């Protein structure tokens, strides 16, 4: 009976999630209810209020979130991806799998600009998937390529999720950005190798497009480089300024937001209606993130006061002496939670409970210091969440793509197409788990 209240609190949370009730209000309501059930004094509620203001509403780092969201929206409005896709499609024309490789490259570029999984999947699904199907691509290959490329936005910096991770886990965001770069590019490389393998073994599944006129590849390459220069400079300036410590994440995000606005203006896509809709979308997304942060902050504080942290620590101790078994159990739990919860809920609700446990584990000589352990763990969670968003039957990215309603694409097609991508994702998680240097080498250098 020692852990009756925290157990009931978790059960109520799970029941509320499956009921479809908005998670932010569910977290806040359960906090108040179990504060009363746990006989927590009303004076303690002022501590929750202070924590909400101090860690959420007055948090300077979280101010980077609306700026990064606005940057991604404006880059989308400036039609950068459309121009790059048309240039890459022409450049790879005449080669089996050429369009698929172009989609993977665009996915990597847009991942570095949007940082929001839903926006990336919808963008790639509306822009690239119909084009691939018209060219005769196998449905499963086309769908898998779009889903894999579209979800890279959750991992490749500047990722909004990594900004939240850094704040919740008290890790320098520049270190997380540097650490995520190689794993993100590694996964993008897996997708490219997948297309190349199919092009070699079964080229009918990835037929070539029209070949460019003779002697025109040089001009196409020059146009491609020109179209890459401005967004490339914008994204790299944001990343480099944050990673090397020249600017804070908020200052770097402000640079990116202003640069994206200027780019949209010079591309002729900026108008009052575009600016108004972009600001509205930015405010709605930011509001959703912040209200979840407020609810999760209250929930986690009450959960700890009723003995929840001790319950989780005792449960972790039952897994044995191996710290890797504890990490594995946490990864499995987060993977399952990713079916039902957005990364925002998991970031604010689950990470504050598990991060102290991982920080206290003894990995021997595997890591130089505790900071490396936390960076490694944070990036494992990030890749894990990207994988769970793709896994049937409840992966969020699958529903995003299905919601676009591409003619001729069924739910079964989406499930079949994503299986090879999920296997590559699991390989990525395994490699980062077994070889932490993949995530830690770049942060150590910069």
Protein backbone atom coordinates (compact mmCIF):
# COMPACT_ATOMS: atom_id res chain seq x y z
CA UNK A 1 0.00 0.00 0.00
CA UNK A 2 3.08 2.24 0.19
CA UNK A 3 2.74 3.29 -3.42
CA UNK A 4 -1.05 3.25 -3.72
CA UNK A 5 -1.47 6.94 -4.56
CA UNK A 6 1.27 7.19 -7.24
CA UNK A 7 -0.01 3.94 -8.80
CA UNK A 8 -3.56 5.31 -8.90
CA UNK A 9 -2.24 8.56 -10.34
CA UNK A 10 -0.57 6.71 -13.21
CA UNK A 11 -3.63 4.55 -13.84
CA UNK A 12 -5.85 7.64 -13.92
CA UNK A 13 -3.46 9.26 -16.39
CA UNK A 14 -3.54 6.22 -18.70
CA UNK A 15 -7.34 6.00 -18.49
CA UNK A 16 -7.65 9.71 -19.26
CA UNK A 17 -5.34 9.45 -22.27
CA UNK A 18 -7.38 6.60 -23.75
CA UNK A 19 -10.59 8.53 -23.13
CA UNK A 20 -9.39 11.18 -25.57
CA UNK A 21 -9.50 14.00 -23.03
CA UNK A 22 -6.96 16.79 -23.79
CA UNK A 23 -3.72 15.77 -22.07
CA UNK A 24 -2.83 19.25 -20.80
CA UNK A 25 -6.12 19.61 -18.90
CA UNK A 26 -5.93 15.99 -17.76
CA UNK A 27 -2.52 16.57 -16.18
CA UNK A 28 -3.64 19.75 -14.43
CA UNK A 29 -6.88 18.18 -13.16
CA UNK A 30 -5.14 15.08 -11.81
CA UNK A 31 -2.61 17.30 -10.06
CA UNK A 32 -5.36 19.10 -8.13
CA UNK A 33 -7.29 15.88 -7.40
CA UNK A 34 -4.32 13.92 -6.03
CA UNK A 35 -3.05 16.92 -4.10
CA UNK A 36 -6.30 16.69 -2.16
CA UNK A 37 -6.22 12.88 -1.93
CA UNK A 38 -2.60 12.96 -0.79
CA UNK A 39 -3.41 15.46 1.93
CA UNK A 40 -0.89 17.90 0.52
CA UNK A 41 -1.39 21.28 2.17
CA UNK A 42 -2.90 24.07 0.16
CA UNK A 43 0.18 26.16 0.89
CA UNK A 44 2.16 23.70 -1.25
CA UNK A 45 0.10 24.79 -4.22
CA UNK A 46 2.00 28.07 -4.19
CA UNK A 47 5.19 26.06 -4.78
CA UNK A 48 3.59 24.57 -7.90
CA UNK A 49 2.61 28.05 -9.08
CA UNK A 50 6.14 29.35 -8.50
CA UNK A 51 7.58 26.35 -10.33
CA UNK A 52 5.27 26.90 -13.31
CA UNK A 53 6.29 30.55 -13.59
CA UNK A 54 9.96 29.91 -12.94
CA UNK A 55 10.49 26.88 -15.16
CA UNK A 56 7.98 27.55 -17.94
CA UNK A 57 6.55 31.04 -18.33
CA UNK A 58 9.72 32.93 -17.38
CA UNK A 59 12.11 30.47 -19.02
CA UNK A 60 14.36 32.31 -21.48
CA UNK A 61 15.40 29.12 -23.28
CA UNK A 62 11.80 28.17 -24.10
CA UNK A 63 11.47 31.49 -25.92
CA UNK A 64 13.43 29.77 -28.71
CA UNK A 65 10.45 27.51 -29.45
CA UNK A 66 8.14 30.05 -31.15
CA UNK A 67 11.11 31.49 -33.04
CA UNK A 68 12.13 28.09 -34.43
CA UNK A 69 8.50 27.32 -35.28
CA UNK A 70 8.17 30.62 -37.13
CA UNK A 71 11.46 29.96 -38.96
CA UNK A 72 10.24 26.58 -40.18
CA UNK A 73 6.86 27.93 -41.29
CA UNK A 74 8.41 30.83 -43.22
CA UNK A 75 10.91 28.53 -44.94
CA UNK A 76 7.98 26.37 -45.95
CA UNK A 77 6.09 29.41 -47.28
CA UNK A 78 9.12 30.55 -49.29
CA UNK A 79 8.82 27.36 -51.42
CA UNK A 80 12.47 26.43 -50.86
CA UNK A 81 11.67 22.70 -50.82
CA UNK A 82 9.66 22.87 -54.06
CA UNK A 83 12.51 24.56 -55.93
CA UNK A 84 15.10 22.13 -54.60
CA UNK A 85 12.97 19.10 -55.42
CA UNK A 86 12.45 20.21 -59.02
CA UNK A 87 16.21 20.81 -59.45
CA UNK A 88 17.18 17.48 -57.86
CA UNK A 89 14.52 15.62 -59.83
CA UNK A 90 15.96 17.01 -63.08
CA UNK A 91 19.55 16.35 -61.97
CA UNK A 92 18.87 12.69 -61.10
CA UNK A 93 16.62 12.19 -64.15
CA UNK A 94 17.26 9.08 -66.21
CA UNK A 95 18.55 7.10 -63.22
CA UNK A 96 16.50 4.47 -61.31
CA UNK A 97 15.83 5.68 -57.78
CA UNK A 98 16.87 9.22 -58.65
CA UNK A 99 13.64 10.79 -57.47
CA UNK A 100 13.74 8.76 -54.26
CA UNK A 101 17.25 10.03 -53.50
CA UNK A 102 16.05 13.57 -54.22
CA UNK A 103 13.22 13.12 -51.69
CA UNK A 104 15.66 11.86 -49.03
CA UNK A 105 17.95 14.87 -49.59
CA UNK A 106 15.01 17.27 -49.41
CA UNK A 107 13.84 15.52 -46.25
CA UNK A 108 17.23 16.10 -44.61
CA UNK A 109 17.26 19.77 -45.65
CA UNK A 110 13.70 20.41 -44.48
CA UNK A 111 14.38 18.53 -41.24
CA UNK A 112 17.01 21.15 -40.48
CA UNK A 113 14.51 23.93 -41.11
CA UNK A 114 11.13 22.84 -39.75
CA UNK A 115 11.89 20.85 -36.61
CA UNK A 116 8.25 19.72 -36.33
CA UNK A 117 7.39 16.15 -37.29
CA UNK A 118 3.79 16.83 -38.37
CA UNK A 119 4.76 19.73 -40.62
CA UNK A 120 7.58 17.75 -42.25
CA UNK A 121 5.47 14.65 -42.96
CA UNK A 122 2.58 16.68 -44.38
CA UNK A 123 4.97 18.76 -46.51
CA UNK A 124 6.76 15.71 -47.92
CA UNK A 125 3.49 13.84 -48.36
CA UNK A 126 1.78 16.58 -50.36
CA UNK A 127 4.85 17.60 -52.36
CA UNK A 128 6.78 14.39 -53.06
CA UNK A 129 4.47 11.39 -52.69
CA UNK A 130 2.09 12.20 -55.60
CA UNK A 131 5.10 12.92 -57.80
CA UNK A 132 6.70 9.56 -56.97
CA UNK A 133 3.46 7.67 -57.60
CA UNK A 134 2.93 9.41 -60.95
CA UNK A 135 6.43 8.37 -61.99
CA UNK A 136 5.53 4.73 -61.31
CA UNK A 137 7.25 4.16 -57.97
CA UNK A 138 6.15 1.17 -55.95
CA UNK A 139 3.69 2.39 -53.31
CA UNK A 140 5.49 0.85 -50.36
CA UNK A 141 8.87 2.27 -51.40
CA UNK A 142 7.47 5.75 -52.01
CA UNK A 143 5.51 5.80 -48.75
CA UNK A 144 8.45 4.51 -46.70
CA UNK A 145 10.80 7.10 -48.21
CA UNK A 146 8.41 9.96 -47.48
CA UNK A 147 7.71 8.83 -43.91
CA UNK A 148 11.36 8.26 -43.05
CA UNK A 149 12.51 11.55 -44.55
CA UNK A 150 9.60 13.45 -43.03
CA UNK A 151 10.29 12.34 -39.46
CA UNK A 152 13.95 13.39 -39.52
CA UNK A 153 12.76 16.84 -38.41
CA UNK A 154 12.35 15.54 -34.87
CA UNK A 155 16.07 14.68 -34.67
CA UNK A 156 18.21 16.79 -36.99
CA UNK A 157 18.94 20.18 -35.40
CA UNK A 158 17.69 22.78 -34.91
CA UNK A 159 14.96 20.51 -33.52
CA UNK A 160 12.32 21.95 -31.21
CA UNK A 161 12.25 18.65 -29.35
CA UNK A 162 15.96 18.94 -28.54
CA UNK A 163 15.38 22.47 -27.21
CA UNK A 164 12.75 21.05 -24.84
CA UNK A 165 15.00 18.10 -23.91
CA UNK A 166 17.83 20.46 -23.07
CA UNK A 167 15.64 22.55 -20.80
CA UNK A 168 13.95 19.62 -19.06
CA UNK A 169 17.17 17.62 -18.53
CA UNK A 170 19.40 20.64 -17.90
CA UNK A 171 21.75 19.81 -20.79
CA UNK A 172 23.39 22.52 -22.92
CA UNK A 173 21.28 22.71 -26.07
CA UNK A 174 24.38 23.30 -28.18
CA UNK A 175 25.70 19.89 -27.05
CA UNK A 176 22.42 18.22 -27.98
CA UNK A 177 22.41 19.87 -31.41
CA UNK A 178 25.98 18.74 -32.03
CA UNK A 179 25.26 15.23 -30.76
CA UNK A 180 22.13 14.77 -32.88
CA UNK A 181 23.76 15.79 -36.15
CA UNK A 182 25.67 12.56 -36.87
CA UNK A 183 22.84 10.15 -35.82
CA UNK A 184 20.36 12.19 -37.91
CA UNK A 185 22.59 12.14 -40.98
CA UNK A 186 23.28 8.44 -40.37
CA UNK A 187 19.55 7.65 -40.52
CA UNK A 188 19.22 9.78 -43.66
CA UNK A 189 22.10 7.77 -45.12
CA UNK A 190 20.26 4.52 -44.30
CA UNK A 191 17.23 5.75 -46.27
CA UNK A 192 19.44 6.67 -49.23
CA UNK A 193 21.13 3.25 -49.17
CA UNK A 194 17.65 1.66 -49.09
CA UNK A 195 16.74 3.45 -52.32
CA UNK A 196 20.07 2.58 -53.94
CA UNK A 197 19.68 -1.09 -52.98
CA UNK A 198 16.22 -1.27 -54.56
CA UNK A 199 17.47 0.57 -57.66
CA UNK A 200 20.17 -2.09 -58.09
CA UNK A 201 18.13 -5.20 -57.24
CA UNK A 202 14.68 -4.25 -58.55
CA UNK A 203 14.80 -1.06 -60.65
CA UNK A 204 11.17 -1.48 -61.76
CA UNK A 205 10.08 -0.38 -58.28
CA UNK A 206 11.95 2.93 -58.62
CA UNK A 207 11.78 3.78 -62.35
CA UNK A 208 13.84 6.64 -63.75
CA UNK A 209 12.30 9.96 -64.69
CA UNK A 210 12.93 11.88 -67.91
CA UNK A 211 16.64 12.30 -68.54
CA UNK A 212 17.89 15.91 -68.68
CA UNK A 213 19.01 17.23 -72.09
CA UNK A 214 22.58 16.41 -73.03
CA UNK A 215 25.08 18.86 -71.56
CA UNK A 216 22.58 20.40 -69.16
CA UNK A 217 23.73 18.70 -65.96
CA UNK A 218 26.30 21.41 -65.30
CA UNK A 219 23.65 24.14 -65.47
CA UNK A 220 21.33 22.08 -63.27
CA UNK A 221 24.09 21.67 -60.72
CA UNK A 222 24.76 25.41 -60.68
CA UNK A 223 21.05 26.19 -60.21
CA UNK A 224 20.86 23.61 -57.44
CA UNK A 225 23.85 25.09 -55.64
CA UNK A 226 22.37 28.58 -55.99
CA UNK A 227 19.05 27.45 -54.51
CA UNK A 228 20.92 25.72 -51.67
CA UNK A 229 23.15 28.63 -50.74
CA UNK A 230 20.64 30.87 -48.97
CA UNK A 231 18.77 28.26 -46.89
CA UNK A 232 22.07 26.47 -46.26
CA UNK A 233 23.69 29.64 -44.94
CA UNK A 234 20.65 30.42 -42.84
CA UNK A 235 20.44 26.99 -41.20
CA UNK A 236 24.21 26.63 -40.73
CA UNK A 237 24.50 30.11 -39.18
CA UNK A 238 21.83 29.21 -36.64
CA UNK A 239 23.41 25.84 -35.80
CA UNK A 240 27.01 27.04 -35.66
CA UNK A 241 26.18 30.08 -33.53
CA UNK A 242 24.41 27.87 -30.97
CA UNK A 243 26.80 24.90 -31.01
CA UNK A 244 30.01 26.93 -30.59
CA UNK A 245 28.41 29.16 -27.98
CA UNK A 246 28.46 32.44 -29.90
CA UNK A 247 24.71 32.81 -29.38
CA UNK A 248 22.20 31.36 -26.96
CA UNK A 249 19.49 29.07 -28.42
CA UNK A 250 17.00 31.94 -28.21
CA UNK A 251 19.35 34.37 -29.98
CA UNK A 252 20.17 31.78 -32.65
CA UNK A 253 16.47 31.11 -33.18
CA UNK A 254 15.85 34.85 -33.55
CA UNK A 255 18.53 35.01 -36.25
CA UNK A 256 16.88 32.10 -38.05
CA UNK A 257 13.38 33.57 -37.80
CA UNK A 258 14.52 36.92 -39.19
CA UNK A 259 16.51 35.24 -41.97
CA UNK A 260 13.55 33.06 -42.97
CA UNK A 261 11.33 36.15 -43.10
CA UNK A 262 13.83 37.93 -45.39
CA UNK A 263 14.13 34.82 -47.58
CA UNK A 264 10.35 34.63 -47.99
CA UNK A 265 10.29 38.32 -48.91
CA UNK A 266 12.99 38.02 -51.57
CA UNK A 267 11.40 34.87 -53.01
CA UNK A 268 8.18 36.85 -53.59
CA UNK A 269 6.12 34.67 -51.26
CA UNK A 270 5.69 37.14 -48.40
CA UNK A 271 2.33 38.88 -48.11
CA UNK A 272 0.14 40.12 -45.29
CA UNK A 273 -2.03 36.98 -45.42
CA UNK A 274 1.03 34.70 -45.37
CA UNK A 275 2.54 36.60 -42.42
CA UNK A 276 -0.78 36.57 -40.55
CA UNK A 277 -1.34 32.82 -41.06
CA UNK A 278 2.30 32.07 -40.09
CA UNK A 279 2.02 34.06 -36.87
CA UNK A 280 -1.30 32.41 -36.04
CA UNK A 281 0.13 28.91 -36.62
CA UNK A 282 3.20 29.80 -34.54
CA UNK A 283 1.05 31.03 -31.64
CA UNK A 284 -1.21 27.96 -31.71
CA UNK A 285 1.71 25.51 -31.71
CA UNK A 286 3.59 27.43 -29.02
CA UNK A 287 0.47 27.70 -26.87
CA UNK A 288 -0.07 23.95 -27.11
CA UNK A 289 3.51 23.26 -26.02
CA UNK A 290 3.42 25.72 -23.12
CA UNK A 291 0.08 24.62 -21.70
CA UNK A 292 1.32 21.03 -21.76
CA UNK A 293 4.49 22.16 -20.00
CA UNK A 294 2.39 23.83 -17.29
CA UNK A 295 0.18 20.76 -16.77
CA UNK A 296 3.15 18.37 -16.78
CA UNK A 297 5.06 20.53 -14.29
CA UNK A 298 2.15 20.45 -11.84
CA UNK A 299 1.63 16.71 -12.38
CA UNK A 300 5.28 15.77 -11.83
CA UNK A 301 5.55 17.85 -8.64
CA UNK A 302 2.43 16.29 -7.10
CA UNK A 303 3.50 12.82 -8.31
CA UNK A 304 6.82 13.19 -6.50
CA UNK A 305 5.13 14.49 -3.33
CA UNK A 306 2.90 11.39 -3.12
CA UNK A 307 5.91 9.05 -3.50
CA UNK A 308 6.06 8.56 -7.25
CA UNK A 309 9.78 9.19 -7.61
CA UNK A 310 10.61 6.62 -4.92
CA UNK A 311 8.30 4.11 -6.61
CA UNK A 312 10.08 4.53 -9.94
CA UNK A 313 13.51 4.27 -8.30
CA UNK A 314 12.50 1.06 -6.51
CA UNK A 315 11.12 -0.35 -9.78
CA UNK A 316 14.42 0.49 -11.50
CA UNK A 317 16.33 -1.23 -8.69
CA UNK A 318 14.35 -4.44 -9.29
CA UNK A 319 15.85 -4.66 -12.79
CA UNK A 320 19.22 -5.66 -11.35
CA UNK A 321 22.65 -4.10 -11.12
CA UNK A 322 23.19 -3.55 -14.85
CA UNK A 323 22.63 0.11 -15.77
CA UNK A 324 22.05 -0.93 -19.38
CA UNK A 325 19.05 -3.04 -18.33
CA UNK A 326 17.56 0.03 -16.65
CA UNK A 327 18.13 2.12 -19.79
CA UNK A 328 16.65 -0.67 -21.93
CA UNK A 329 13.51 -0.80 -19.76
CA UNK A 330 13.12 2.99 -20.00
CA UNK A 331 13.56 2.85 -23.77
CA UNK A 332 10.88 0.16 -24.13
CA UNK A 333 8.47 2.20 -21.99
CA UNK A 334 9.11 5.40 -23.98
CA UNK A 335 8.74 3.45 -27.23
CA UNK A 336 5.30 2.24 -26.16
CA UNK A 337 4.28 5.66 -24.87
CA UNK A 338 5.24 7.12 -28.25
CA UNK A 339 2.31 5.22 -29.77
CA UNK A 340 -0.19 7.21 -27.74
CA UNK A 341 1.51 10.45 -26.70
CA UNK A 342 3.15 13.26 -28.65
CA UNK A 343 6.82 13.98 -27.95
CA UNK A 344 5.75 17.10 -26.04
CA UNK A 345 3.90 15.12 -23.36
CA UNK A 346 6.74 12.60 -23.08
CA UNK A 347 9.35 15.36 -22.80
CA UNK A 348 7.64 17.25 -19.99
CA UNK A 349 6.07 14.29 -18.20
CA UNK A 350 8.37 11.26 -18.50
CA UNK A 351 11.87 12.71 -18.79
CA UNK A 352 11.81 14.58 -15.44
CA UNK A 353 11.00 11.24 -13.75
CA UNK A 354 13.61 9.09 -15.49
CA UNK A 355 16.48 11.52 -16.06
CA UNK A 356 17.54 11.54 -12.35
CA UNK A 357 17.55 7.74 -12.33
CA UNK A 358 19.83 7.54 -15.39
CA UNK A 359 22.07 10.27 -13.95
CA UNK A 360 22.60 8.12 -10.86
CA UNK A 361 23.56 4.93 -12.74
CA UNK A 362 27.16 3.71 -12.73
CA UNK A 363 28.35 2.94 -16.27
CA UNK A 364 31.96 2.43 -15.20
CA UNK A 365 34.51 3.71 -17.70
CA UNK A 366 32.07 3.80 -20.62
CA UNK A 367 31.61 7.57 -20.25
CA UNK A 368 34.00 10.32 -19.23
CA UNK A 369 31.48 12.13 -17.03
CA UNK A 370 27.81 12.37 -16.13
CA UNK A 371 27.25 15.02 -18.80
CA UNK A 372 28.12 12.51 -21.53
CA UNK A 373 25.69 10.00 -20.02
CA UNK A 374 22.84 12.50 -20.18
CA UNK A 375 23.61 13.57 -23.76
CA UNK A 376 23.73 9.91 -24.84
CA UNK A 377 20.48 9.13 -23.03
CA UNK A 378 18.70 12.19 -24.45
CA UNK A 379 19.65 11.28 -28.01
CA UNK A 380 18.64 7.65 -27.49
CA UNK A 381 15.22 8.91 -26.40
CA UNK A 382 15.04 11.22 -29.45
CA UNK A 383 15.79 8.42 -31.95
CA UNK A 384 13.47 6.10 -30.03
CA UNK A 385 10.60 8.59 -30.27
CA UNK A 386 11.19 9.04 -33.99
CA UNK A 387 10.91 5.25 -34.32
CA UNK A 388 7.74 4.98 -32.23
CA UNK A 389 6.07 7.71 -34.33
CA UNK A 390 6.56 5.45 -37.35
CA UNK A 391 5.53 2.11 -35.85
CA UNK A 392 2.13 0.60 -36.79
CA UNK A 393 -0.61 0.62 -35.80
CA UNK A 394 -0.60 3.84 -33.73
CA UNK A 395 2.40 5.81 -35.02
CA UNK A 396 1.54 9.52 -35.24
CA UNK A 397 3.41 9.99 -38.53
CA UNK A 398 1.22 7.32 -40.16
CA UNK A 399 -1.92 9.24 -39.22
CA UNK A 400 -0.42 12.50 -40.49
CA UNK A 401 0.22 10.90 -43.89
CA UNK A 402 -3.17 9.19 -43.98
CA UNK A 403 -4.82 12.52 -43.16
CA UNK A 404 -3.53 14.00 -46.42
CA UNK A 405 -5.82 11.57 -48.28
CA UNK A 406 -3.59 10.80 -51.27
CA UNK A 407 -5.81 8.98 -53.86
CA UNK A 408 -5.05 5.28 -54.06
CA UNK A 409 -3.03 5.12 -50.84
CA UNK A 410 -4.64 2.89 -48.20
CA UNK A 411 -3.79 2.36 -44.54
CA UNK A 412 -2.44 -1.10 -45.41
CA UNK A 413 -0.10 0.48 -47.99
CA UNK A 414 1.20 2.88 -45.33
CA UNK A 415 1.79 0.05 -42.84
CA UNK A 416 3.66 -2.05 -45.41
CA UNK A 417 5.75 0.86 -46.61
CA UNK A 418 6.95 1.89 -43.17
CA UNK A 419 8.23 -1.57 -42.08
CA UNK A 420 11.72 -1.26 -43.72
CA UNK A 421 12.05 2.27 -42.31
CA UNK A 422 11.23 1.07 -38.78
CA UNK A 423 13.87 -1.66 -39.09
CA UNK A 424 16.45 0.95 -40.11
CA UNK A 425 15.37 3.13 -37.21
CA UNK A 426 15.81 0.26 -34.75
CA UNK A 427 19.28 -0.34 -36.21
CA UNK A 428 20.05 3.33 -35.57
CA UNK A 429 18.91 3.08 -31.94
CA UNK A 430 21.01 -0.07 -31.48
CA UNK A 431 24.14 1.50 -32.99
CA UNK A 432 23.91 4.63 -30.82
CA UNK A 433 23.26 2.45 -27.75
CA UNK A 434 26.25 0.17 -28.43
CA UNK A 435 28.58 2.88 -29.73
CA UNK A 436 27.91 6.10 -27.78
CA UNK A 437 30.78 7.76 -29.65
CA UNK A 438 28.34 8.27 -32.56
CA UNK A 439 26.44 10.78 -30.43
CA UNK A 440 29.32 12.04 -28.29
CA UNK A 441 32.17 12.60 -30.75
CA UNK A 442 30.98 15.94 -32.19
CA UNK A 443 29.99 17.50 -28.83
CA UNK A 444 33.43 16.55 -27.54
CA UNK A 445 35.10 18.32 -30.46
CA UNK A 446 33.15 21.56 -30.26
